[in-house]
Amino acid sequence: MSVDQKVQDRVISLVSNILSANAIVVDVLPGSRLADIGMTSMDMVNLMLAVEAEFDMTIPQAEITPENFQSPQTIERMVAKQIDLAA
């Protein structure tokens, strides 16, 4: 399993956990649009904090954009970029 795949799996797990806390049961796919599967703006804030905790990083202010938080796939790309920059 590649590093990117592991990151993606962890992001999908975070999204699924937030949705299940809201009693939303849905298959979360890499390309699932978060707003379309039930994520609210408050959920997005919780997801951002969960991503920071999960990957032991601080997301730079410039990276906290709607484009980076559209889907698990866009989050995975942003996280991978931050991991690469930190390496």
PDB file of N, CA and C in Angstrom:
ATOM      1  N   MET A   1       0.853  -1.184   0.000  1.00  0.00           N
ATOM      2  CA  MET A   1       0.000   0.000   0.000  1.00  0.00           C
ATOM      3  C   MET A   1       0.893   1.241   0.000  1.00  0.00           C
ATOM      4  N   SER A   2       0.620   2.158  -0.911  1.00  0.00           N
ATOM      5  CA  SER A   2       1.448   3.359  -1.021  1.00  0.00           C
ATOM      6  C   SER A   2       1.150   4.327   0.123  1.00  0.00           C
ATOM      7  N   VAL A   3       2.063   5.254   0.320  1.00  0.00           N
ATOM      8  CA  VAL A   3       1.864   6.276   1.355  1.00  0.00           C
ATOM      9  C   VAL A   3       0.600   7.068   1.054  1.00  0.00           C
ATOM     10  N   ASP A   4       0.409   7.438  -0.227  1.00  0.00           N
ATOM     11  CA  ASP A   4      -0.784   8.199  -0.599  1.00  0.00           C
ATOM     12  C   ASP A   4      -2.056   7.416  -0.286  1.00  0.00           C
ATOM     13  N   GLN A   5      -2.047   6.103  -0.534  1.00  0.00           N
ATOM     14  CA  GLN A   5      -3.223   5.281  -0.255  1.00  0.00           C
ATOM     15  C   GLN A   5      -3.499   5.234   1.243  1.00  0.00           C
ATOM     16  N   LYS A   6      -2.443   5.141   2.051  1.00  0.00           N
ATOM     17  CA  LYS A   6      -2.617   5.138   3.501  1.00  0.00           C
ATOM     18  C   LYS A   6      -3.200   6.466   3.968  1.00  0.00           C
ATOM     19  N   VAL A   7      -2.700   7.570   3.426  1.00  0.00           N
ATOM     20  CA  VAL A   7      -3.219   8.892   3.782  1.00  0.00           C
ATOM     21  C   VAL A   7      -4.698   8.970   3.400  1.00  0.00           C
ATOM     22  N   GLN A   8      -5.020   8.525   2.186  1.00  0.00           N
ATOM     23  CA  GLN A   8      -6.402   8.574   1.718  1.00  0.00           C
ATOM     24  C   GLN A   8      -7.317   7.739   2.618  1.00  0.00           C
ATOM     25  N   ASP A   9      -6.879   6.543   2.992  1.00  0.00           N
ATOM     26  CA  ASP A   9      -7.682   5.685   3.867  1.00  0.00           C
ATOM     27  C   ASP A   9      -7.922   6.357   5.217  1.00  0.00           C
ATOM     28  N   ARG A  10      -6.906   7.009   5.747  1.00  0.00           N
ATOM     29  CA  ARG A  10      -7.051   7.693   7.038  1.00  0.00           C
ATOM     30  C   ARG A  10      -8.012   8.867   6.921  1.00  0.00           C
ATOM     31  N   VAL A  11      -7.936   9.615   5.819  1.00  0.00           N
ATOM     32  CA  VAL A  11      -8.846  10.749   5.606  1.00  0.00           C
ATOM     33  C   VAL A  11     -10.286  10.248   5.472  1.00  0.00           C
ATOM     34  N   ILE A  12     -10.484   9.187   4.695  1.00  0.00           N
ATOM     35  CA  ILE A  12     -11.829   8.627   4.533  1.00  0.00           C
ATOM     36  C   ILE A  12     -12.379   8.163   5.882  1.00  0.00           C
ATOM     37  N   SER A  13     -11.535   7.579   6.709  1.00  0.00           N
ATOM     38  CA  SER A  13     -11.954   7.142   8.036  1.00  0.00           C
ATOM     39  C   SER A  13     -12.389   8.331   8.892  1.00  0.00           C
ATOM     40  N   LEU A  14     -11.637   9.431   8.838  1.00  0.00           N
ATOM     41  CA  LEU A  14     -12.006  10.636   9.598  1.00  0.00           C
ATOM     42  C   LEU A  14     -13.362  11.159   9.147  1.00  0.00           C
ATOM     43  N   VAL A  15     -13.577  11.236   7.827  1.00  0.00           N
ATOM     44  CA  VAL A  15     -14.854  11.721   7.285  1.00  0.00           C
ATOM     45  C   VAL A  15     -15.984  10.805   7.733  1.00  0.00           C
ATOM     46  N   SER A  16     -15.789   9.506   7.626  1.00  0.00           N
ATOM     47  CA  SER A  16     -16.818   8.538   8.022  1.00  0.00           C
ATOM     48  C   SER A  16     -17.176   8.671   9.497  1.00  0.00           C
ATOM     49  N   ASN A  17     -16.161   8.876  10.339  1.00  0.00           N
ATOM     50  CA  ASN A  17     -16.411   9.021  11.777  1.00  0.00           C
ATOM     51  C   ASN A  17     -17.242  10.261  12.079  1.00  0.00           C
ATOM     52  N   ILE A  18     -16.940  11.376  11.414  1.00  0.00           N
ATOM     53  CA  ILE A  18     -17.701  12.609  11.635  1.00  0.00           C
ATOM     54  C   ILE A  18     -19.138  12.426  11.166  1.00  0.00           C
ATOM     55  N   LEU A  19     -19.324  11.817   9.997  1.00  0.00           N
ATOM     56  CA  LEU A  19     -20.674  11.589   9.491  1.00  0.00           C
ATOM     57  C   LEU A  19     -21.454  10.648  10.402  1.00  0.00           C
ATOM     58  N   SER A  20     -20.814   9.574  10.869  1.00  0.00           N
ATOM     59  CA  SER A  20     -21.525   8.619  11.718  1.00  0.00           C
ATOM     60  C   SER A  20     -21.910   9.248  13.056  1.00  0.00           C
ATOM     61  N   ALA A  21     -21.123  10.218  13.537  1.00  0.00           N
ATOM     62  CA  ALA A  21     -21.485  10.932  14.766  1.00  0.00           C
ATOM     63  C   ALA A  21     -22.771  11.735  14.565  1.00  0.00           C
ATOM     64  N   ASN A  22     -23.066  12.069  13.309  1.00  0.00           N
ATOM     65  CA  ASN A  22     -24.300  12.783  12.977  1.00  0.00           C
ATOM     66  C   ASN A  22     -25.384  11.828  12.482  1.00  0.00           C
ATOM     67  N   ALA A  23     -25.198  10.533  12.711  1.00  0.00           N
ATOM     68  CA  ALA A  23     -26.139   9.494  12.292  1.00  0.00           C
ATOM     69  C   ALA A  23     -26.315   9.457  10.781  1.00  0.00           C
ATOM     70  N   ILE A  24     -25.262   9.816  10.042  1.00  0.00           N
ATOM     71  CA  ILE A  24     -25.290   9.735   8.580  1.00  0.00           C
ATOM     72  C   ILE A  24     -24.424   8.544   8.183  1.00  0.00           C
ATOM     73  N   VAL A  25     -25.051   7.579   7.528  1.00  0.00           N
ATOM     74  CA  VAL A  25     -24.328   6.394   7.080  1.00  0.00           C
ATOM     75  C   VAL A  25     -24.292   6.432   5.560  1.00  0.00           C
ATOM     76  N   VAL A  26     -23.102   6.580   5.014  1.00  0.00           N
ATOM     77  CA  VAL A  26     -22.933   6.683   3.567  1.00  0.00           C
ATOM     78  C   VAL A  26     -21.565   6.120   3.212  1.00  0.00           C
ATOM     79  N   ASP A  27     -21.461   5.541   2.024  1.00  0.00           N
ATOM     80  CA  ASP A  27     -20.152   5.091   1.551  1.00  0.00           C
ATOM     81  C   ASP A  27     -19.343   6.318   1.159  1.00  0.00           C
ATOM     82  N   VAL A  28     -18.216   6.506   1.821  1.00  0.00           N
ATOM     83  CA  VAL A  28     -17.349   7.644   1.506  1.00  0.00           C
ATOM     84  C   VAL A  28     -16.284   7.156   0.533  1.00  0.00           C
ATOM     85  N   LEU A  29     -16.313   7.706  -0.664  1.00  0.00           N
ATOM     86  CA  LEU A  29     -15.352   7.354  -1.703  1.00  0.00           C
ATOM     87  C   LEU A  29     -14.333   8.475  -1.842  1.00  0.00           C
ATOM     88  N   PRO A  30     -13.168   8.200  -2.435  1.00  0.00           N
ATOM     89  CA  PRO A  30     -12.159   9.263  -2.577  1.00  0.00           C
ATOM     90  C   PRO A  30     -12.697  10.520  -3.258  1.00  0.00           C
ATOM     91  N   GLY A  31     -13.567  10.351  -4.243  1.00  0.00           N
ATOM     92  CA  GLY A  31     -14.078  11.503  -4.972  1.00  0.00           C
ATOM     93  C   GLY A  31     -15.393  12.053  -4.457  1.00  0.00           C
ATOM     94  N   SER A  32     -15.899  11.526  -3.331  1.00  0.00           N
ATOM     95  CA  SER A  32     -17.174  12.011  -2.785  1.00  0.00           C
ATOM     96  C   SER A  32     -17.072  13.480  -2.403  1.00  0.00           C
ATOM     97  N   ARG A  33     -18.010  14.293  -2.911  1.00  0.00           N
ATOM     98  CA  ARG A  33     -18.045  15.700  -2.505  1.00  0.00           C
ATOM     99  C   ARG A  33     -18.611  15.761  -1.093  1.00  0.00           C
ATOM    100  N   LEU A  34     -17.828  16.316  -0.179  1.00  0.00           N
ATOM    101  CA  LEU A  34     -18.194  16.300   1.240  1.00  0.00           C
ATOM    102  C   LEU A  34     -19.532  16.979   1.502  1.00  0.00           C
ATOM    103  N   ALA A  35     -19.788  18.101   0.845  1.00  0.00           N
ATOM    104  CA  ALA A  35     -21.061  18.807   1.046  1.00  0.00           C
ATOM    105  C   ALA A  35     -22.231  17.950   0.563  1.00  0.00           C
ATOM    106  N   ASP A  36     -22.011  17.161  -0.474  1.00  0.00           N
ATOM    107  CA  ASP A  36     -23.084  16.343  -1.038  1.00  0.00           C
ATOM    108  C   ASP A  36     -23.413  15.121  -0.189  1.00  0.00           C
ATOM    109  N   ILE A  37     -22.474  14.679   0.642  1.00  0.00           N
ATOM    110  CA  ILE A  37     -22.731  13.484   1.459  1.00  0.00           C
ATOM    111  C   ILE A  37     -23.129  13.836   2.890  1.00  0.00           C
ATOM    112  N   GLY A  38     -23.360  15.129   3.160  1.00  0.00           N
ATOM    113  CA  GLY A  38     -23.928  15.507   4.445  1.00  0.00           C
ATOM    114  C   GLY A  38     -23.039  16.293   5.389  1.00  0.00           C
ATOM    115  N   MET A  39     -21.838  16.644   4.964  1.00  0.00           N
ATOM    116  CA  MET A  39     -20.946  17.415   5.843  1.00  0.00           C
ATOM    117  C   MET A  39     -21.418  18.875   5.911  1.00  0.00           C
ATOM    118  N   THR A  40     -21.562  19.376   7.133  1.00  0.00           N
ATOM    119  CA  THR A  40     -21.926  20.781   7.340  1.00  0.00           C
ATOM    120  C   THR A  40     -20.649  21.607   7.508  1.00  0.00           C
ATOM    121  N   SER A  41     -20.811  22.918   7.581  1.00  0.00           N
ATOM    122  CA  SER A  41     -19.631  23.772   7.772  1.00  0.00           C
ATOM    123  C   SER A  41     -18.965  23.471   9.118  1.00  0.00           C
ATOM    124  N   MET A  42     -19.755  23.166  10.134  1.00  0.00           N
ATOM    125  CA  MET A  42     -19.180  22.810  11.434  1.00  0.00           C
ATOM    126  C   MET A  42     -18.425  21.477  11.341  1.00  0.00           C
ATOM    127  N   ASP A  43     -18.981  20.549  10.575  1.00  0.00           N
ATOM    128  CA  ASP A  43     -18.289  19.275  10.351  1.00  0.00           C
ATOM    129  C   ASP A  43     -16.950  19.509   9.659  1.00  0.00           C
ATOM    130  N   MET A  44     -16.923  20.466   8.735  1.00  0.00           N
ATOM    131  CA  MET A  44     -15.682  20.767   8.012  1.00  0.00           C
ATOM    132  C   MET A  44     -14.609  21.289   8.973  1.00  0.00           C
ATOM    133  N   VAL A  45     -15.019  22.127   9.927  1.00  0.00           N
ATOM    134  CA  VAL A  45     -14.073  22.630  10.926  1.00  0.00           C
ATOM    135  C   VAL A  45     -13.554  21.452  11.757  1.00  0.00           C
ATOM    136  N   ASN A  46     -14.470  20.585  12.180  1.00  0.00           N
ATOM    137  CA  ASN A  46     -14.058  19.404  12.952  1.00  0.00           C
ATOM    138  C   ASN A  46     -13.144  18.503  12.132  1.00  0.00           C
ATOM    139  N   LEU A  47     -13.421  18.380  10.837  1.00  0.00           N
ATOM    140  CA  LEU A  47     -12.571  17.572   9.966  1.00  0.00           C
ATOM    141  C   LEU A  47     -11.181  18.177   9.857  1.00  0.00           C
ATOM    142  N   MET A  48     -11.105  19.480   9.705  1.00  0.00           N
ATOM    143  CA  MET A  48      -9.807  20.143   9.612  1.00  0.00           C
ATOM    144  C   MET A  48      -8.989  19.866  10.880  1.00  0.00           C
ATOM    145  N   LEU A  49      -9.611  19.997  12.044  1.00  0.00           N
ATOM    146  CA  LEU A  49      -8.924  19.735  13.312  1.00  0.00           C
ATOM    147  C   LEU A  49      -8.538  18.260  13.423  1.00  0.00           C
ATOM    148  N   ALA A  50      -9.416  17.375  12.960  1.00  0.00           N
ATOM    149  CA  ALA A  50      -9.128  15.938  13.009  1.00  0.00           C
ATOM    150  C   ALA A  50      -7.954  15.591  12.097  1.00  0.00           C
ATOM    151  N   VAL A  51      -7.891  16.225  10.922  1.00  0.00           N
ATOM    152  CA  VAL A  51      -6.775  15.982   9.996  1.00  0.00           C
ATOM    153  C   VAL A  51      -5.468  16.440  10.643  1.00  0.00           C
ATOM    154  N   GLU A  52      -5.504  17.610  11.267  1.00  0.00           N
ATOM    155  CA  GLU A  52      -4.293  18.106  11.934  1.00  0.00           C
ATOM    156  C   GLU A  52      -3.838  17.139  13.031  1.00  0.00           C
ATOM    157  N   ALA A  53      -4.785  16.636  13.819  1.00  0.00           N
ATOM    158  CA  ALA A  53      -4.439  15.707  14.896  1.00  0.00           C
ATOM    159  C   ALA A  53      -3.965  14.368  14.338  1.00  0.00           C
ATOM    160  N   GLU A  54      -4.657  13.850  13.345  1.00  0.00           N
ATOM    161  CA  GLU A  54      -4.324  12.540  12.764  1.00  0.00           C
ATOM    162  C   GLU A  54      -2.926  12.513  12.159  1.00  0.00           C
ATOM    163  N   PHE A  55      -2.556  13.607  11.503  1.00  0.00           N
ATOM    164  CA  PHE A  55      -1.267  13.643  10.806  1.00  0.00           C
ATOM    165  C   PHE A  55      -0.216  14.466  11.551  1.00  0.00           C
ATOM    166  N   ASP A  56      -0.539  14.865  12.798  1.00  0.00           N
ATOM    167  CA  ASP A  56       0.394  15.608  13.651  1.00  0.00           C
ATOM    168  C   ASP A  56       1.016  16.776  12.888  1.00  0.00           C
ATOM    169  N   MET A  57       0.133  17.648  12.379  1.00  0.00           N
ATOM    170  CA  MET A  57       0.574  18.778  11.583  1.00  0.00           C
ATOM    171  C   MET A  57      -0.363  19.956  11.794  1.00  0.00           C
ATOM    172  N   THR A  58       0.096  21.116  11.393  1.00  0.00           N
ATOM    173  CA  THR A  58      -0.757  22.293  11.369  1.00  0.00           C
ATOM    174  C   THR A  58      -0.964  22.658   9.910  1.00  0.00           C
ATOM    175  N   ILE A  59      -2.216  22.757   9.507  1.00  0.00           N
ATOM    176  CA  ILE A  59      -2.513  23.129   8.123  1.00  0.00           C
ATOM    177  C   ILE A  59      -2.282  24.629   7.984  1.00  0.00           C
ATOM    178  N   PRO A  60      -1.397  25.037   7.064  1.00  0.00           N
ATOM    179  CA  PRO A  60      -1.161  26.470   6.878  1.00  0.00           C
ATOM    180  C   PRO A  60      -2.449  27.192   6.479  1.00  0.00           C
ATOM    181  N   GLN A  61      -2.615  28.407   6.964  1.00  0.00           N
ATOM    182  CA  GLN A  61      -3.818  29.198   6.685  1.00  0.00           C
ATOM    183  C   GLN A  61      -4.126  29.241   5.184  1.00  0.00           C
ATOM    184  N   ALA A  62      -3.094  29.383   4.370  1.00  0.00           N
ATOM    185  CA  ALA A  62      -3.284  29.486   2.920  1.00  0.00           C
ATOM    186  C   ALA A  62      -3.865  28.206   2.309  1.00  0.00           C
ATOM    187  N   GLU A  63      -3.732  27.084   3.018  1.00  0.00           N
ATOM    188  CA  GLU A  63      -4.233  25.803   2.507  1.00  0.00           C
ATOM    189  C   GLU A  63      -5.662  25.492   2.966  1.00  0.00           C
ATOM    190  N   ILE A  64      -6.195  26.320   3.874  1.00  0.00           N
ATOM    191  CA  ILE A  64      -7.558  26.097   4.372  1.00  0.00           C
ATOM    192  C   ILE A  64      -8.515  26.790   3.393  1.00  0.00           C
ATOM    193  N   THR A  65      -8.789  26.063   2.306  1.00  0.00           N
ATOM    194  CA  THR A  65      -9.629  26.599   1.238  1.00  0.00           C
ATOM    195  C   THR A  65     -10.733  25.599   0.902  1.00  0.00           C
ATOM    196  N   PRO A  66     -11.840  26.086   0.346  1.00  0.00           N
ATOM    197  CA  PRO A  66     -12.893  25.152  -0.082  1.00  0.00           C
ATOM    198  C   PRO A  66     -12.375  24.120  -1.080  1.00  0.00           C
ATOM    199  N   GLU A  67     -11.442  24.519  -1.940  1.00  0.00           N
ATOM    200  CA  GLU A  67     -10.896  23.598  -2.936  1.00  0.00           C
ATOM    201  C   GLU A  67     -10.171  22.424  -2.281  1.00  0.00           C
ATOM    202  N   ASN A  68      -9.457  22.680  -1.194  1.00  0.00           N
ATOM    203  CA  ASN A  68      -8.709  21.616  -0.516  1.00  0.00           C
ATOM    204  C   ASN A  68      -9.602  20.723   0.335  1.00  0.00           C
ATOM    205  N   PHE A  69     -10.826  21.162   0.613  1.00  0.00           N
ATOM    206  CA  PHE A  69     -11.737  20.387   1.453  1.00  0.00           C
ATOM    207  C   PHE A  69     -13.011  19.997   0.706  1.00  0.00           C
ATOM    208  N   GLN A  70     -12.868  19.717  -0.594  1.00  0.00           N
ATOM    209  CA  GLN A  70     -14.018  19.295  -1.398  1.00  0.00           C
ATOM    210  C   GLN A  70     -14.327  17.815  -1.240  1.00  0.00           C
ATOM    211  N   SER A  71     -13.276  17.004  -1.120  1.00  0.00           N
ATOM    212  CA  SER A  71     -13.445  15.550  -1.093  1.00  0.00           C
ATOM    213  C   SER A  71     -12.267  14.933  -0.335  1.00  0.00           C
ATOM    214  N   PRO A  72     -12.393  13.659   0.055  1.00  0.00           N
ATOM    215  CA  PRO A  72     -11.236  13.006   0.667  1.00  0.00           C
ATOM    216  C   PRO A  72      -9.994  13.088  -0.230  1.00  0.00           C
ATOM    217  N   GLN A  73     -10.197  13.010  -1.534  1.00  0.00           N
ATOM    218  CA  GLN A  73      -9.081  13.064  -2.476  1.00  0.00           C
ATOM    219  C   GLN A  73      -8.361  14.412  -2.430  1.00  0.00           C
ATOM    220  N   THR A  74      -9.107  15.518  -2.366  1.00  0.00           N
ATOM    221  CA  THR A  74      -8.452  16.833  -2.323  1.00  0.00           C
ATOM    222  C   THR A  74      -7.747  17.038  -0.987  1.00  0.00           C
ATOM    223  N   ILE A  75      -8.317  16.509   0.086  1.00  0.00           N
ATOM    224  CA  ILE A  75      -7.668  16.601   1.397  1.00  0.00           C
ATOM    225  C   ILE A  75      -6.379  15.783   1.387  1.00  0.00           C
ATOM    226  N   GLU A  76      -6.453  14.587   0.806  1.00  0.00           N
ATOM    227  CA  GLU A  76      -5.272  13.715   0.729  1.00  0.00           C
ATOM    228  C   GLU A  76      -4.142  14.396  -0.028  1.00  0.00           C
ATOM    229  N   ARG A  77      -4.465  15.072  -1.131  1.00  0.00           N
ATOM    230  CA  ARG A  77      -3.428  15.776  -1.895  1.00  0.00           C
ATOM    231  C   ARG A  77      -2.802  16.892  -1.070  1.00  0.00           C
ATOM    232  N   MET A  78      -3.634  17.637  -0.345  1.00  0.00           N
ATOM    233  CA  MET A  78      -3.135  18.734   0.480  1.00  0.00           C
ATOM    234  C   MET A  78      -2.250  18.191   1.609  1.00  0.00           C
ATOM    235  N   VAL A  79      -2.671  17.098   2.262  1.00  0.00           N
ATOM    236  CA  VAL A  79      -1.883  16.499   3.339  1.00  0.00           C
ATOM    237  C   VAL A  79      -0.556  15.974   2.790  1.00  0.00           C
ATOM    238  N   ALA A  80      -0.605  15.280   1.658  1.00  0.00           N
ATOM    239  CA  ALA A  80       0.624  14.737   1.057  1.00  0.00           C
ATOM    240  C   ALA A  80       1.594  15.870   0.728  1.00  0.00           C
ATOM    241  N   LYS A  81       1.075  16.970   0.236  1.00  0.00           N
ATOM    242  CA  LYS A  81       1.921  18.133  -0.079  1.00  0.00           C
ATOM    243  C   LYS A  81       2.594  18.658   1.187  1.00  0.00           C
ATOM    244  N   GLN A  82       1.837  18.737   2.284  1.00  0.00           N
ATOM    245  CA  GLN A  82       2.389  19.240   3.541  1.00  0.00           C
ATOM    246  C   GLN A  82       3.431  18.272   4.098  1.00  0.00           C
ATOM    247  N   ILE A  83       3.172  16.961   3.962  1.00  0.00           N
ATOM    248  CA  ILE A  83       4.142  15.966   4.425  1.00  0.00           C
ATOM    249  C   ILE A  83       5.439  16.089   3.621  1.00  0.00           C
ATOM    250  N   ASP A  84       5.295  16.268   2.302  1.00  0.00           N
ATOM    251  CA  ASP A  84       6.474  16.417   1.437  1.00  0.00           C
ATOM    252  C   ASP A  84       7.267  17.678   1.817  1.00  0.00           C
ATOM    253  N   LEU A  85       6.561  18.768   2.099  1.00  0.00           N
ATOM    254  CA  LEU A  85       7.233  20.018   2.472  1.00  0.00           C
ATOM    255  C   LEU A  85       7.975  19.885   3.800  1.00  0.00           C
ATOM    256  N   ALA A  86       7.430  19.084   4.699  1.00  0.00           N
ATOM    257  CA  ALA A  86       8.036  18.907   6.018  1.00  0.00           C
ATOM    258  C   ALA A  86       9.232  17.955   5.975  1.00  0.00           C
ATOM    259  N   ALA A  87       9.300  17.130   4.938  1.00  0.00           N
ATOM    260  CA  ALA A  87      10.372  16.127   4.843  1.00  0.00           C
ATOM    261  C   ALA A  87      11.718  16.729   4.518  1.00  0.00           C
TER     262      ALA A  87
END
